[in-house]
C-alpha atoms as a PDB file:
ATOM      1  CA  UNK A   1      24.894  49.323  37.807  1.00  0.00           C
ATOM      2  CA  UNK A   2      24.145  51.701  34.928  1.00  0.00           C
ATOM      3  CA  UNK A   3      27.469  50.739  33.308  1.00  0.00           C
ATOM      4  CA  UNK A   4      26.513  47.016  33.484  1.00  0.00           C
ATOM      5  CA  UNK A   5      23.184  47.721  31.765  1.00  0.00           C
ATOM      6  CA  UNK A   6      24.943  49.738  29.049  1.00  0.00           C
ATOM      7  CA  UNK A   7      27.483  46.918  28.563  1.00  0.00           C
ATOM      8  CA  UNK A   8      24.676  44.353  28.230  1.00  0.00           C
ATOM      9  CA  UNK A   9      22.847  46.597  25.745  1.00  0.00           C
ATOM     10  CA  UNK A  10      26.027  46.952  23.658  1.00  0.00           C
ATOM     11  CA  UNK A  11      26.557  43.172  23.673  1.00  0.00           C
ATOM     12  CA  UNK A  12      22.961  42.595  22.563  1.00  0.00           C
ATOM     13  CA  UNK A  13      23.328  45.159  19.771  1.00  0.00           C
ATOM     14  CA  UNK A  14      26.650  43.617  18.662  1.00  0.00           C
ATOM     15  CA  UNK A  15      24.980  40.194  18.431  1.00  0.00           C
ATOM     16  CA  UNK A  16      22.219  41.629  16.241  1.00  0.00           C
ATOM     17  CA  UNK A  17      24.778  43.329  13.988  1.00  0.00           C
ATOM     18  CA  UNK A  18      26.764  40.089  13.753  1.00  0.00           C
ATOM     19  CA  UNK A  19      23.642  38.095  12.864  1.00  0.00           C
ATOM     20  CA  UNK A  20      22.928  40.584  10.075  1.00  0.00           C
ATOM     21  CA  UNK A  21      26.440  40.257   8.599  1.00  0.00           C
ATOM     22  CA  UNK A  22      27.331  36.655   9.568  1.00  0.00           C
ATOM     23  CA  UNK A  23      26.903  35.025   6.141  1.00  0.00           C
ATOM     24  CA  UNK A  24      28.834  37.774   4.332  1.00  0.00           C
ATOM     25  CA  UNK A  25      31.744  37.486   6.760  1.00  0.00           C
ATOM     26  CA  UNK A  26      31.804  33.680   6.666  1.00  0.00           C
ATOM     27  CA  UNK A  27      31.834  33.707   2.860  1.00  0.00           C
ATOM     28  CA  UNK A  28      35.228  35.424   2.753  1.00  0.00           C
ATOM     29  CA  UNK A  29      38.366  33.392   2.061  1.00  0.00           C
ATOM     30  CA  UNK A  30      40.322  32.285   5.139  1.00  0.00           C
ATOM     31  CA  UNK A  31      37.447  32.986   7.600  1.00  0.00           C
ATOM     32  CA  UNK A  32      36.614  30.021   9.845  1.00  0.00           C
ATOM     33  CA  UNK A  33      34.324  31.616  12.420  1.00  0.00           C
ATOM     34  CA  UNK A  34      32.731  34.778  13.785  1.00  0.00           C
ATOM     35  CA  UNK A  35      31.557  35.949  17.178  1.00  0.00           C
ATOM     36  CA  UNK A  36      31.201  38.846  19.600  1.00  0.00           C
ATOM     37  CA  UNK A  37      33.798  39.552  22.256  1.00  0.00           C
ATOM     38  CA  UNK A  38      36.332  42.001  23.594  1.00  0.00           C
ATOM     39  CA  UNK A  39      38.763  43.488  21.118  1.00  0.00           C
ATOM     40  CA  UNK A  40      42.398  42.468  21.479  1.00  0.00           C
ATOM     41  CA  UNK A  41      45.279  44.874  20.927  1.00  0.00           C
ATOM     42  CA  UNK A  42      48.841  43.575  20.917  1.00  0.00           C
ATOM     43  CA  UNK A  43      47.680  40.346  22.580  1.00  0.00           C
ATOM     44  CA  UNK A  44      45.789  42.063  25.412  1.00  0.00           C
ATOM     45  CA  UNK A  45      42.036  42.362  25.818  1.00  0.00           C
ATOM     46  CA  UNK A  46      40.531  45.847  25.865  1.00  0.00           C
ATOM     47  CA  UNK A  47      37.134  46.954  27.189  1.00  0.00           C
ATOM     48  CA  UNK A  48      35.851  47.495  23.631  1.00  0.00           C
ATOM     49  CA  UNK A  49      33.099  45.185  22.373  1.00  0.00           C
ATOM     50  CA  UNK A  50      33.982  43.995  18.880  1.00  0.00           C
ATOM     51  CA  UNK A  51      32.882  41.667  16.118  1.00  0.00           C
ATOM     52  CA  UNK A  52      35.458  38.881  16.179  1.00  0.00           C
ATOM     53  CA  UNK A  53      36.432  37.278  12.872  1.00  0.00           C
ATOM     54  CA  UNK A  54      38.505  34.112  13.171  1.00  0.00           C
ATOM     55  CA  UNK A  55      40.885  33.337  10.311  1.00  0.00           C
ATOM     56  CA  UNK A  56      43.209  30.406   9.709  1.00  0.00           C
ATOM     57  CA  UNK A  57      46.072  32.818   9.095  1.00  0.00           C
ATOM     58  CA  UNK A  58      46.344  36.596   9.029  1.00  0.00           C
ATOM     59  CA  UNK A  59      47.390  37.683   5.563  1.00  0.00           C
ATOM     60  CA  UNK A  60      48.535  41.054   4.253  1.00  0.00           C
ATOM     61  CA  UNK A  61      45.789  42.806   2.246  1.00  0.00           C
ATOM     62  CA  UNK A  62      47.750  42.466  -0.997  1.00  0.00           C
ATOM     63  CA  UNK A  63      47.500  38.657  -0.728  1.00  0.00           C
ATOM     64  CA  UNK A  64      43.694  38.745  -0.648  1.00  0.00           C
ATOM     65  CA  UNK A  65      41.187  39.421  -3.389  1.00  0.00           C
ATOM     66  CA  UNK A  66      39.396  42.733  -2.862  1.00  0.00           C
ATOM     67  CA  UNK A  67      36.143  40.843  -2.210  1.00  0.00           C
ATOM     68  CA  UNK A  68      37.818  38.976   0.671  1.00  0.00           C
ATOM     69  CA  UNK A  69      39.107  42.050   2.530  1.00  0.00           C
ATOM     70  CA  UNK A  70      37.464  42.555   5.917  1.00  0.00           C
ATOM     71  CA  UNK A  71      36.154  45.967   6.967  1.00  0.00           C
ATOM     72  CA  UNK A  72      37.716  47.740   9.948  1.00  0.00           C
ATOM     73  CA  UNK A  73      34.271  48.291  11.458  1.00  0.00           C
ATOM     74  CA  UNK A  74      30.657  47.324  10.883  1.00  0.00           C
ATOM     75  CA  UNK A  75      27.797  49.507  12.112  1.00  0.00           C
ATOM     76  CA  UNK A  76      30.032  51.175  14.683  1.00  0.00           C
ATOM     77  CA  UNK A  77      31.641  48.009  16.054  1.00  0.00           C
ATOM     78  CA  UNK A  78      35.320  47.354  15.359  1.00  0.00           C
ATOM     79  CA  UNK A  79      36.139  44.152  13.475  1.00  0.00           C
ATOM     80  CA  UNK A  80      38.880  42.261  15.315  1.00  0.00           C
ATOM     81  CA  UNK A  81      40.602  39.674  13.111  1.00  0.00           C
ATOM     82  CA  UNK A  82      42.116  36.869  15.198  1.00  0.00           C
ATOM     83  CA  UNK A  83      44.296  34.075  13.834  1.00  0.00           C
ATOM     84  CA  UNK A  84      43.267  30.607  15.028  1.00  0.00           C
ATOM     85  CA  UNK A  85      44.876  28.190  12.633  1.00  0.00           C
ATOM     86  CA  UNK A  86      42.721  25.502  11.064  1.00  0.00           C
ATOM     87  CA  UNK A  87      39.723  24.426  13.165  1.00  0.00           C
ATOM     88  CA  UNK A  88      38.596  20.801  13.215  1.00  0.00           C
ATOM     89  CA  UNK A  89      35.287  19.582  14.633  1.00  0.00           C
ATOM     90  CA  UNK A  90      35.716  16.843  17.191  1.00  0.00           C
ATOM     91  CA  UNK A  91      33.497  13.800  16.920  1.00  0.00           C
ATOM     92  CA  UNK A  92      31.700  12.311  19.858  1.00  0.00           C
ATOM     93  CA  UNK A  93      33.723   9.948  21.989  1.00  0.00           C
ATOM     94  CA  UNK A  94      32.670   6.310  21.594  1.00  0.00           C
ATOM     95  CA  UNK A  95      30.538   4.762  24.321  1.00  0.00           C
END
């Protein structure tokens, strides 16, 4: 039970940290979304709560301007960059 409370507290804190840094992260080239979730390592989820940054394509650092580089962590939370491809909003179905 105590572990569940700690997990919920960490999620709440991660959401606050993300809200504080959301605009800065979304302003970077190639970023299409941000969120809070479990960090992935080699395609597998871990138990680590992370700030998730969705990008159209993962690029090597040398292909990005310095201002567009993402930090490895923000306020103690790891930044997990996940490639999604291009995202398109779906319109409402007619009728």
